[in-house]
Amino acid sequence: MGPLDEYIKGQLNTRMVRLREHLDDADTISVVSPLMSGIDTEVRDAIEMNRNKNRKLAIILQTPGGVVEVVERMVDVIRNFYEEVIAIVPDQAMSAGTVLALSADRIMMDYFSRLGPIDPQIEKDEKLVPALSYLKQYEKLNQKAAEGSLTTAEYAMLRQLDVGELYQFEQARELSVELLIKWLSQYKFKNWKKTETSKKRVTERTKQTRAKAIAHILNDPERWHSHGRGIGIETLRKELKLQIEDYSENQPLAEAIRDYFSLLMDYLHRQNRVYFIHTERYFS
């Protein structure tokens, strides 16, 4: 590790400690990365190295998304050690990153933060491609074929679609929805006892029904039109009825998050890095 890295590590650790003081001394980890194979192992190593007796973890999350199976393994690691998880999104946690954020007990955002549609991604030709885009196109072409209105060019496109890959895309979509429903019900809704309007008792079935409704909206490409479209805190609160904490309402906390995250992202941009995991004892 060079002198600059050592200096930045010291500065980031100082600012992380300051941030932790506003989070009831929760263990804290930053994950800035596409969620691809290998990042789950790094998260495991970082948590094992940094873990104290605290049963609360705060995750500062910055990601364009990735593979939902990797997210599942990350959540398994996190929940093996922690009873309460806070997801902090200063900028964006898209696609599979949204699934990860919604696995937390609490989510903190501000007006600038964005989650996204839970359009799972698949590794194809060493790139991540959004599964729902392929599935939607396949459904449209199939419909046109059934109606007898398929053009020659569209017929050629339909023939090029790999049935095996389409099956993978369908399974990725189903897994994203399944995990979201499971984690929302188990963690985000765990303290939901009565409905706000009618004050009725909330049952496990109520939680499942609410989670399914949220998953359906986030999994609807027609609603969001774009895989990369960000969903802000007001839409999440009003349309999805999700309880999201606006950390800008707590000025000391907001300043601590901005101070830490700004330095972190400036360092990564200067180093041209897109993968980074940081705790007070882990810097990679």
C-alpha atoms as a PDB file:
ATOM      1  CA  MET A   1       0.000   0.000   0.000  1.00  0.00           C
ATOM      2  CA  GLY A   2       1.471   3.361  -1.095  1.00  0.00           C
ATOM      3  CA  PRO A   3       1.709   6.573   0.974  1.00  0.00           C
ATOM      4  CA  LEU A   4      -1.446   8.000  -0.628  1.00  0.00           C
ATOM      5  CA  ASP A   5      -3.400   4.858   0.170  1.00  0.00           C
ATOM      6  CA  GLU A   6      -2.188   4.951   3.775  1.00  0.00           C
ATOM      7  CA  TYR A   7      -3.181   8.594   4.116  1.00  0.00           C
ATOM      8  CA  ILE A   8      -6.623   8.055   2.583  1.00  0.00           C
ATOM      9  CA  LYS A   9      -7.157   4.964   4.711  1.00  0.00           C
ATOM     10  CA  GLY A  10      -6.465   7.001   7.832  1.00  0.00           C
ATOM     11  CA  GLN A  11      -8.783   9.804   6.731  1.00  0.00           C
ATOM     12  CA  LEU A  12     -11.579   7.395   5.790  1.00  0.00           C
ATOM     13  CA  ASN A  13     -11.245   5.515   9.070  1.00  0.00           C
ATOM     14  CA  THR A  14     -11.471   8.768  11.028  1.00  0.00           C
ATOM     15  CA  ARG A  15     -14.598   9.785   9.137  1.00  0.00           C
ATOM     16  CA  MET A  16     -16.109   6.312   9.460  1.00  0.00           C
ATOM     17  CA  VAL A  17     -15.664   6.439  13.234  1.00  0.00           C
ATOM     18  CA  ARG A  18     -17.375   9.845  13.270  1.00  0.00           C
ATOM     19  CA  LEU A  19     -20.227   8.417  11.182  1.00  0.00           C
ATOM     20  CA  ARG A  20     -20.523   5.379  13.430  1.00  0.00           C
ATOM     21  CA  GLU A  21     -21.080   7.644  16.420  1.00  0.00           C
ATOM     22  CA  HIS A  22     -24.346   8.794  14.782  1.00  0.00           C
ATOM     23  CA  LEU A  23     -25.446   5.190  14.154  1.00  0.00           C
ATOM     24  CA  ASP A  24     -25.484   3.888  17.734  1.00  0.00           C
ATOM     25  CA  ASP A  25     -21.921   2.639  17.271  1.00  0.00           C
ATOM     26  CA  ALA A  26     -22.973   0.101  14.612  1.00  0.00           C
ATOM     27  CA  ASP A  27     -20.256  -1.815  12.794  1.00  0.00           C
ATOM     28  CA  THR A  28     -19.905  -0.080   9.428  1.00  0.00           C
ATOM     29  CA  ILE A  29     -18.923  -1.311   5.967  1.00  0.00           C
ATOM     30  CA  SER A  30     -18.806   0.415   2.585  1.00  0.00           C
ATOM     31  CA  VAL A  31     -19.545  -1.603  -0.540  1.00  0.00           C
ATOM     32  CA  VAL A  32     -18.787   0.290  -3.736  1.00  0.00           C
ATOM     33  CA  SER A  33     -18.925  -2.235  -6.561  1.00  0.00           C
ATOM     34  CA  PRO A  34     -20.941  -4.041  -9.194  1.00  0.00           C
ATOM     35  CA  LEU A  35     -22.433  -7.052  -7.402  1.00  0.00           C
ATOM     36  CA  MET A  36     -20.599  -9.786  -9.274  1.00  0.00           C
ATOM     37  CA  SER A  37     -18.972 -13.055  -8.246  1.00  0.00           C
ATOM     38  CA  GLY A  38     -16.101 -12.444  -5.838  1.00  0.00           C
ATOM     39  CA  ILE A  39     -17.534  -9.413  -4.079  1.00  0.00           C
ATOM     40  CA  ASP A  40     -19.455 -11.738  -1.737  1.00  0.00           C
ATOM     41  CA  THR A  41     -16.165 -13.316  -0.641  1.00  0.00           C
ATOM     42  CA  GLU A  42     -14.632  -9.890   0.010  1.00  0.00           C
ATOM     43  CA  VAL A  43     -17.652  -8.844   2.067  1.00  0.00           C
ATOM     44  CA  ARG A  44     -17.310 -12.029   4.122  1.00  0.00           C
ATOM     45  CA  ASP A  45     -13.599 -11.405   4.740  1.00  0.00           C
ATOM     46  CA  ALA A  46     -14.190  -7.747   5.636  1.00  0.00           C
ATOM     47  CA  ILE A  47     -17.001  -8.539   8.083  1.00  0.00           C
ATOM     48  CA  GLU A  48     -15.102 -11.383   9.754  1.00  0.00           C
ATOM     49  CA  MET A  49     -12.058  -9.134  10.193  1.00  0.00           C
ATOM     50  CA  ASN A  50     -14.031  -6.121  11.451  1.00  0.00           C
ATOM     51  CA  ARG A  51     -16.728  -7.770  13.549  1.00  0.00           C
ATOM     52  CA  ASN A  52     -17.119  -6.683  17.172  1.00  0.00           C
ATOM     53  CA  LYS A  53     -19.713  -7.854  19.704  1.00  0.00           C
ATOM     54  CA  ASN A  54     -22.149  -5.367  18.192  1.00  0.00           C
ATOM     55  CA  ARG A  55     -25.146  -7.033  16.534  1.00  0.00           C
ATOM     56  CA  LYS A  56     -25.923  -4.011  14.355  1.00  0.00           C
ATOM     57  CA  LEU A  57     -24.381  -3.309  10.933  1.00  0.00           C
ATOM     58  CA  ALA A  58     -24.591  -0.217   8.721  1.00  0.00           C
ATOM     59  CA  ILE A  59     -23.866  -0.711   5.005  1.00  0.00           C
ATOM     60  CA  ILE A  60     -22.944   2.282   2.893  1.00  0.00           C
ATOM     61  CA  LEU A  61     -23.978   1.042  -0.530  1.00  0.00           C
ATOM     62  CA  GLN A  62     -23.028   2.338  -3.977  1.00  0.00           C
ATOM     63  CA  THR A  63     -23.663  -0.029  -6.889  1.00  0.00           C
ATOM     64  CA  PRO A  64     -25.078  -0.182 -10.432  1.00  0.00           C
ATOM     65  CA  GLY A  65     -26.448  -3.632  -9.606  1.00  0.00           C
ATOM     66  CA  GLY A  66     -25.351  -7.100 -10.585  1.00  0.00           C
ATOM     67  CA  VAL A  67     -26.172 -10.758 -10.062  1.00  0.00           C
ATOM     68  CA  VAL A  68     -28.926 -11.567  -7.583  1.00  0.00           C
ATOM     69  CA  GLU A  69     -27.306 -14.877  -6.522  1.00  0.00           C
ATOM     70  CA  VAL A  70     -24.317 -12.854  -5.299  1.00  0.00           C
ATOM     71  CA  VAL A  71     -26.676 -10.629  -3.289  1.00  0.00           C
ATOM     72  CA  GLU A  72     -28.272 -13.706  -1.724  1.00  0.00           C
ATOM     73  CA  ARG A  73     -24.891 -14.925  -0.532  1.00  0.00           C
ATOM     74  CA  MET A  74     -23.961 -11.467   0.801  1.00  0.00           C
ATOM     75  CA  VAL A  75     -27.174 -11.311   2.820  1.00  0.00           C
ATOM     76  CA  ASP A  76     -26.520 -14.812   4.180  1.00  0.00           C
ATOM     77  CA  VAL A  77     -23.087 -13.634   5.377  1.00  0.00           C
ATOM     78  CA  ILE A  78     -24.440 -10.431   6.906  1.00  0.00           C
ATOM     79  CA  ARG A  79     -27.330 -12.104   8.701  1.00  0.00           C
ATOM     80  CA  ASN A  80     -25.023 -14.781  10.085  1.00  0.00           C
ATOM     81  CA  PHE A  81     -23.420 -12.085  12.238  1.00  0.00           C
ATOM     82  CA  TYR A  82     -25.947  -9.259  12.601  1.00  0.00           C
ATOM     83  CA  GLU A  83     -29.506  -8.989  13.898  1.00  0.00           C
ATOM     84  CA  GLU A  84     -30.137  -5.449  12.658  1.00  0.00           C
ATOM     85  CA  VAL A  85     -28.956  -3.972   9.362  1.00  0.00           C
ATOM     86  CA  ILE A  86     -29.129  -0.384   8.153  1.00  0.00           C
ATOM     87  CA  ALA A  87     -28.676   0.311   4.437  1.00  0.00           C
ATOM     88  CA  ILE A  88     -27.388   3.816   3.671  1.00  0.00           C
ATOM     89  CA  VAL A  89     -27.654   4.940   0.040  1.00  0.00           C
ATOM     90  CA  PRO A  90     -25.942   8.321  -0.504  1.00  0.00           C
ATOM     91  CA  ASP A  91     -26.130   8.035  -4.312  1.00  0.00           C
ATOM     92  CA  GLN A  92     -27.535   4.880  -5.904  1.00  0.00           C
ATOM     93  CA  ALA A  93     -28.159   1.184  -5.341  1.00  0.00           C
ATOM     94  CA  MET A  94     -29.691  -0.085  -8.559  1.00  0.00           C
ATOM     95  CA  SER A  95     -31.186  -3.392  -9.710  1.00  0.00           C
ATOM     96  CA  ALA A  96     -29.734  -6.172  -7.512  1.00  0.00           C
ATOM     97  CA  GLY A  97     -28.446  -3.356  -5.289  1.00  0.00           C
ATOM     98  CA  THR A  98     -32.070  -2.420  -4.622  1.00  0.00           C
ATOM     99  CA  VAL A  99     -32.768  -6.011  -3.588  1.00  0.00           C
ATOM    100  CA  LEU A 100     -29.795  -5.800  -1.217  1.00  0.00           C
ATOM    101  CA  ALA A 101     -30.953  -2.470   0.241  1.00  0.00           C
ATOM    102  CA  LEU A 102     -34.462  -3.830   0.778  1.00  0.00           C
ATOM    103  CA  SER A 103     -33.058  -6.765   2.751  1.00  0.00           C
ATOM    104  CA  ALA A 104     -32.147  -4.304   5.517  1.00  0.00           C
ATOM    105  CA  ASP A 105     -34.257  -3.526   8.578  1.00  0.00           C
ATOM    106  CA  ARG A 106     -33.879   0.208   7.920  1.00  0.00           C
ATOM    107  CA  ILE A 107     -33.060   2.203   4.781  1.00  0.00           C
ATOM    108  CA  MET A 108     -31.580   5.696   4.852  1.00  0.00           C
ATOM    109  CA  MET A 109     -31.638   7.986   1.804  1.00  0.00           C
ATOM    110  CA  ASP A 110     -31.935  11.677   0.972  1.00  0.00           C
ATOM    111  CA  TYR A 111     -33.450  13.590  -1.946  1.00  0.00           C
ATOM    112  CA  PHE A 112     -30.455  12.744  -4.173  1.00  0.00           C
ATOM    113  CA  SER A 113     -30.419   8.993  -3.453  1.00  0.00           C
ATOM    114  CA  ARG A 114     -31.840   6.453  -5.878  1.00  0.00           C
ATOM    115  CA  LEU A 115     -32.935   2.840  -5.855  1.00  0.00           C
ATOM    116  CA  GLY A 116     -34.048   1.186  -9.092  1.00  0.00           C
ATOM    117  CA  PRO A 117     -36.270  -1.425 -10.738  1.00  0.00           C
ATOM    118  CA  ILE A 118     -35.314  -4.955  -9.655  1.00  0.00           C
ATOM    119  CA  ASP A 119     -34.397  -5.974 -13.182  1.00  0.00           C
ATOM    120  CA  PRO A 120     -31.901  -8.792 -12.554  1.00  0.00           C
ATOM    121  CA  GLN A 121     -28.732  -8.951 -14.597  1.00  0.00           C
ATOM    122  CA  ILE A 122     -27.014 -11.945 -16.172  1.00  0.00           C
ATOM    123  CA  GLU A 123     -23.368 -12.245 -17.171  1.00  0.00           C
ATOM    124  CA  LYS A 124     -23.289 -12.515 -20.982  1.00  0.00           C
ATOM    125  CA  ASP A 125     -20.125 -12.178 -23.088  1.00  0.00           C
ATOM    126  CA  GLU A 126     -18.309 -10.841 -19.987  1.00  0.00           C
ATOM    127  CA  LYS A 127     -20.917  -8.115 -19.576  1.00  0.00           C
ATOM    128  CA  LEU A 128     -23.949  -7.690 -17.359  1.00  0.00           C
ATOM    129  CA  VAL A 129     -27.179  -7.541 -19.350  1.00  0.00           C
ATOM    130  CA  PRO A 130     -30.665  -6.763 -17.919  1.00  0.00           C
ATOM    131  CA  ALA A 131     -32.779  -9.914 -18.047  1.00  0.00           C
ATOM    132  CA  LEU A 132     -36.179  -8.244 -18.327  1.00  0.00           C
ATOM    133  CA  SER A 133     -35.194  -6.424 -21.519  1.00  0.00           C
ATOM    134  CA  TYR A 134     -34.637  -9.757 -23.268  1.00  0.00           C
ATOM    135  CA  LEU A 135     -37.775 -11.311 -21.811  1.00  0.00           C
ATOM    136  CA  LYS A 136     -39.941  -8.334 -22.769  1.00  0.00           C
ATOM    137  CA  GLN A 137     -38.611  -8.322 -26.327  1.00  0.00           C
ATOM    138  CA  TYR A 138     -39.174 -12.077 -26.602  1.00  0.00           C
ATOM    139  CA  GLU A 139     -42.773 -11.720 -25.397  1.00  0.00           C
ATOM    140  CA  LYS A 140     -43.465  -8.924 -27.895  1.00  0.00           C
ATOM    141  CA  LEU A 141     -42.001 -10.892 -30.811  1.00  0.00           C
ATOM    142  CA  ASN A 142     -43.931 -14.009 -29.797  1.00  0.00           C
ATOM    143  CA  GLN A 143     -47.150 -11.994 -29.661  1.00  0.00           C
ATOM    144  CA  LYS A 144     -46.534 -10.554 -33.119  1.00  0.00           C
ATOM    145  CA  ALA A 145     -45.767 -14.051 -34.440  1.00  0.00           C
ATOM    146  CA  ALA A 146     -49.080 -15.319 -33.020  1.00  0.00           C
ATOM    147  CA  GLU A 147     -50.871 -12.428 -34.735  1.00  0.00           C
ATOM    148  CA  GLY A 148     -49.078 -13.086 -38.032  1.00  0.00           C
ATOM    149  CA  SER A 149     -47.580  -9.568 -38.107  1.00  0.00           C
ATOM    150  CA  LEU A 150     -43.924 -10.485 -37.624  1.00  0.00           C
ATOM    151  CA  THR A 151     -41.596  -8.809 -40.127  1.00  0.00           C
ATOM    152  CA  THR A 152     -38.652 -10.599 -41.741  1.00  0.00           C
ATOM    153  CA  ALA A 153     -36.199  -8.643 -39.583  1.00  0.00           C
ATOM    154  CA  GLU A 154     -38.155  -9.456 -36.429  1.00  0.00           C
ATOM    155  CA  TYR A 155     -38.293 -13.125 -37.402  1.00  0.00           C
ATOM    156  CA  ALA A 156     -34.492 -13.131 -37.689  1.00  0.00           C
ATOM    157  CA  MET A 157     -34.233 -11.503 -34.254  1.00  0.00           C
ATOM    158  CA  LEU A 158     -36.572 -14.097 -32.746  1.00  0.00           C
ATOM    159  CA  ARG A 159     -34.486 -16.951 -34.136  1.00  0.00           C
ATOM    160  CA  GLN A 160     -31.333 -15.487 -32.607  1.00  0.00           C
ATOM    161  CA  LEU A 161     -32.736 -15.522 -29.077  1.00  0.00           C
ATOM    162  CA  ASP A 162     -31.325 -18.444 -27.109  1.00  0.00           C
ATOM    163  CA  VAL A 163     -34.086 -20.429 -25.361  1.00  0.00           C
ATOM    164  CA  GLY A 164     -31.663 -21.606 -22.680  1.00  0.00           C
ATOM    165  CA  GLU A 165     -30.629 -18.033 -21.923  1.00  0.00           C
ATOM    166  CA  LEU A 166     -34.255 -16.932 -21.795  1.00  0.00           C
ATOM    167  CA  TYR A 167     -34.897 -19.629 -19.199  1.00  0.00           C
ATOM    168  CA  GLN A 168     -31.977 -18.268 -17.160  1.00  0.00           C
ATOM    169  CA  PHE A 169     -33.452 -14.782 -17.422  1.00  0.00           C
ATOM    170  CA  GLU A 170     -36.846 -16.034 -16.221  1.00  0.00           C
ATOM    171  CA  GLN A 171     -35.258 -17.800 -13.261  1.00  0.00           C
ATOM    172  CA  ALA A 172     -33.275 -14.664 -12.343  1.00  0.00           C
ATOM    173  CA  ARG A 173     -36.474 -12.638 -12.416  1.00  0.00           C
ATOM    174  CA  GLU A 174     -38.309 -15.136 -10.229  1.00  0.00           C
ATOM    175  CA  LEU A 175     -35.420 -15.317  -7.758  1.00  0.00           C
ATOM    176  CA  SER A 176     -35.261 -11.517  -7.439  1.00  0.00           C
ATOM    177  CA  VAL A 177     -38.973 -11.355  -6.636  1.00  0.00           C
ATOM    178  CA  GLU A 178     -38.802 -14.341  -4.268  1.00  0.00           C
ATOM    179  CA  LEU A 179     -35.894 -12.897  -2.280  1.00  0.00           C
ATOM    180  CA  LEU A 180     -37.443  -9.446  -2.107  1.00  0.00           C
ATOM    181  CA  ILE A 181     -40.699 -10.839  -0.721  1.00  0.00           C
ATOM    182  CA  LYS A 182     -38.832 -13.011   1.787  1.00  0.00           C
ATOM    183  CA  TRP A 183     -36.523 -10.267   3.065  1.00  0.00           C
ATOM    184  CA  LEU A 184     -39.119  -7.498   3.193  1.00  0.00           C
ATOM    185  CA  SER A 185     -41.421  -9.734   5.227  1.00  0.00           C
ATOM    186  CA  GLN A 186     -38.682 -11.035   7.504  1.00  0.00           C
ATOM    187  CA  TYR A 187     -36.664  -7.862   8.140  1.00  0.00           C
ATOM    188  CA  LYS A 188     -38.137  -4.593   6.860  1.00  0.00           C
ATOM    189  CA  PHE A 189     -41.634  -5.421   8.129  1.00  0.00           C
ATOM    190  CA  LYS A 190     -40.610  -7.237  11.307  1.00  0.00           C
ATOM    191  CA  ASN A 191     -41.849  -4.436  13.611  1.00  0.00           C
ATOM    192  CA  TRP A 192     -45.011  -3.721  11.588  1.00  0.00           C
ATOM    193  CA  LYS A 193     -47.789  -4.539  14.055  1.00  0.00           C
ATOM    194  CA  LYS A 194     -50.838  -2.524  12.906  1.00  0.00           C
ATOM    195  CA  THR A 195     -51.970  -0.984   9.619  1.00  0.00           C
ATOM    196  CA  GLU A 196     -51.774   2.817   9.576  1.00  0.00           C
ATOM    197  CA  THR A 197     -55.332   3.595   8.459  1.00  0.00           C
ATOM    198  CA  SER A 198     -57.572   0.862   9.871  1.00  0.00           C
ATOM    199  CA  LYS A 199     -55.251  -0.098  12.775  1.00  0.00           C
ATOM    200  CA  LYS A 200     -55.823  -3.763  12.023  1.00  0.00           C
ATOM    201  CA  ARG A 201     -53.388  -6.351  13.337  1.00  0.00           C
ATOM    202  CA  VAL A 202     -50.668  -7.153  10.811  1.00  0.00           C
ATOM    203  CA  THR A 203     -50.269 -10.875  10.170  1.00  0.00           C
ATOM    204  CA  GLU A 204     -47.579 -12.744   8.263  1.00  0.00           C
ATOM    205  CA  ARG A 205     -50.008 -12.945   5.368  1.00  0.00           C
ATOM    206  CA  THR A 206     -50.424  -9.147   5.460  1.00  0.00           C
ATOM    207  CA  LYS A 207     -46.651  -8.729   5.255  1.00  0.00           C
ATOM    208  CA  GLN A 208     -46.377 -11.219   2.379  1.00  0.00           C
ATOM    209  CA  THR A 209     -49.169  -9.492   0.446  1.00  0.00           C
ATOM    210  CA  ARG A 210     -47.585  -6.075   0.909  1.00  0.00           C
ATOM    211  CA  ALA A 211     -44.143  -7.396  -0.074  1.00  0.00           C
ATOM    212  CA  LYS A 212     -45.571  -9.018  -3.216  1.00  0.00           C
ATOM    213  CA  ALA A 213     -47.198  -5.723  -4.235  1.00  0.00           C
ATOM    214  CA  ILE A 214     -43.876  -3.874  -3.855  1.00  0.00           C
ATOM    215  CA  ALA A 215     -42.001  -6.579  -5.759  1.00  0.00           C
ATOM    216  CA  HIS A 216     -44.573  -6.448  -8.585  1.00  0.00           C
ATOM    217  CA  ILE A 217     -44.179  -2.679  -8.986  1.00  0.00           C
ATOM    218  CA  LEU A 218     -40.363  -2.794  -8.912  1.00  0.00           C
ATOM    219  CA  ASN A 219     -40.350  -5.720 -11.353  1.00  0.00           C
ATOM    220  CA  ASP A 220     -42.575  -3.982 -13.932  1.00  0.00           C
ATOM    221  CA  PRO A 221     -40.425  -2.682 -16.849  1.00  0.00           C
ATOM    222  CA  GLU A 222     -43.436  -0.921 -18.376  1.00  0.00           C
ATOM    223  CA  ARG A 223     -43.762   1.199 -15.230  1.00  0.00           C
ATOM    224  CA  TRP A 224     -40.149   2.384 -15.174  1.00  0.00           C
ATOM    225  CA  HIS A 225     -39.290   2.196 -18.921  1.00  0.00           C
ATOM    226  CA  SER A 226     -35.553   1.934 -18.276  1.00  0.00           C
ATOM    227  CA  HIS A 227     -33.297  -0.494 -16.423  1.00  0.00           C
ATOM    228  CA  GLY A 228     -31.176   2.436 -15.250  1.00  0.00           C
ATOM    229  CA  ARG A 229     -33.992   4.709 -14.108  1.00  0.00           C
ATOM    230  CA  GLY A 230     -33.557   5.851 -10.532  1.00  0.00           C
ATOM    231  CA  ILE A 231     -36.422   5.847  -8.041  1.00  0.00           C
ATOM    232  CA  GLY A 232     -36.260   8.610  -5.460  1.00  0.00           C
ATOM    233  CA  ILE A 233     -37.287   8.693  -1.827  1.00  0.00           C
ATOM    234  CA  GLU A 234     -40.636  10.427  -2.429  1.00  0.00           C
ATOM    235  CA  THR A 235     -41.763   7.831  -5.001  1.00  0.00           C
ATOM    236  CA  LEU A 236     -40.673   5.014  -2.707  1.00  0.00           C
ATOM    237  CA  ARG A 237     -42.620   6.524   0.157  1.00  0.00           C
ATOM    238  CA  LYS A 238     -45.774   7.608  -1.676  1.00  0.00           C
ATOM    239  CA  GLU A 239     -46.208   4.996  -4.395  1.00  0.00           C
ATOM    240  CA  LEU A 240     -44.623   1.943  -2.788  1.00  0.00           C
ATOM    241  CA  LYS A 241     -45.559   2.943   0.783  1.00  0.00           C
ATOM    242  CA  LEU A 242     -42.080   2.041   1.999  1.00  0.00           C
ATOM    243  CA  GLN A 243     -40.738   3.547   5.188  1.00  0.00           C
ATOM    244  CA  ILE A 244     -37.484   5.243   4.157  1.00  0.00           C
ATOM    245  CA  GLU A 245     -35.583   7.438   6.613  1.00  0.00           C
ATOM    246  CA  ASP A 246     -34.481  10.784   5.183  1.00  0.00           C
ATOM    247  CA  TYR A 247     -31.095  11.254   6.782  1.00  0.00           C
ATOM    248  CA  SER A 248     -30.995  14.912   5.684  1.00  0.00           C
ATOM    249  CA  GLU A 249     -33.442  15.570   8.538  1.00  0.00           C
ATOM    250  CA  ASN A 250     -30.589  14.759  10.942  1.00  0.00           C
ATOM    251  CA  GLN A 251     -27.949  17.371  10.091  1.00  0.00           C
ATOM    252  CA  PRO A 252     -24.991  15.862  12.028  1.00  0.00           C
ATOM    253  CA  LEU A 253     -25.669  12.440  10.471  1.00  0.00           C
ATOM    254  CA  ALA A 254     -26.092  13.936   6.984  1.00  0.00           C
ATOM    255  CA  GLU A 255     -22.828  15.833   7.301  1.00  0.00           C
ATOM    256  CA  ALA A 256     -20.997  12.714   8.500  1.00  0.00           C
ATOM    257  CA  ILE A 257     -22.340  10.663   5.566  1.00  0.00           C
ATOM    258  CA  ARG A 258     -21.519  13.384   3.014  1.00  0.00           C
ATOM    259  CA  ASP A 259     -18.041  13.950   4.500  1.00  0.00           C
ATOM    260  CA  TYR A 260     -17.144  10.256   4.370  1.00  0.00           C
ATOM    261  CA  PHE A 261     -18.758   9.426   1.040  1.00  0.00           C
ATOM    262  CA  SER A 262     -17.349  12.451  -0.811  1.00  0.00           C
ATOM    263  CA  LEU A 263     -13.782  11.592   0.192  1.00  0.00           C
ATOM    264  CA  LEU A 264     -14.323   7.927  -0.683  1.00  0.00           C
ATOM    265  CA  MET A 265     -15.704   8.610  -4.157  1.00  0.00           C
ATOM    266  CA  ASP A 266     -13.058  11.256  -4.908  1.00  0.00           C
ATOM    267  CA  TYR A 267     -10.350   8.735  -4.046  1.00  0.00           C
ATOM    268  CA  LEU A 268     -11.910   6.001  -6.188  1.00  0.00           C
ATOM    269  CA  HIS A 269     -12.325   8.344  -9.183  1.00  0.00           C
ATOM    270  CA  ARG A 270      -8.700   9.443  -8.943  1.00  0.00           C
ATOM    271  CA  GLN A 271      -7.578   5.804  -8.738  1.00  0.00           C
ATOM    272  CA  ASN A 272      -9.999   4.786 -11.511  1.00  0.00           C
ATOM    273  CA  ARG A 273     -11.416   2.044  -9.291  1.00  0.00           C
ATOM    274  CA  VAL A 274     -14.910   0.562  -9.458  1.00  0.00           C
ATOM    275  CA  TYR A 275     -14.517  -2.165  -6.813  1.00  0.00           C
ATOM    276  CA  PHE A 276     -13.911  -1.172  -3.203  1.00  0.00           C
ATOM    277  CA  ILE A 277     -14.723  -2.573   0.249  1.00  0.00           C
ATOM    278  CA  HIS A 278     -13.919  -0.594   3.381  1.00  0.00           C
ATOM    279  CA  THR A 279     -14.240  -1.102   7.119  1.00  0.00           C
ATOM    280  CA  GLU A 280     -12.031   0.299   9.866  1.00  0.00           C
ATOM    281  CA  ARG A 281      -9.888  -2.865   9.605  1.00  0.00           C
ATOM    282  CA  TYR A 282     -10.290  -3.713   5.921  1.00  0.00           C
ATOM    283  CA  PHE A 283      -9.263  -1.588   2.937  1.00  0.00           C
ATOM    284  CA  SER A 284      -9.471  -3.220  -0.478  1.00  0.00           C
END
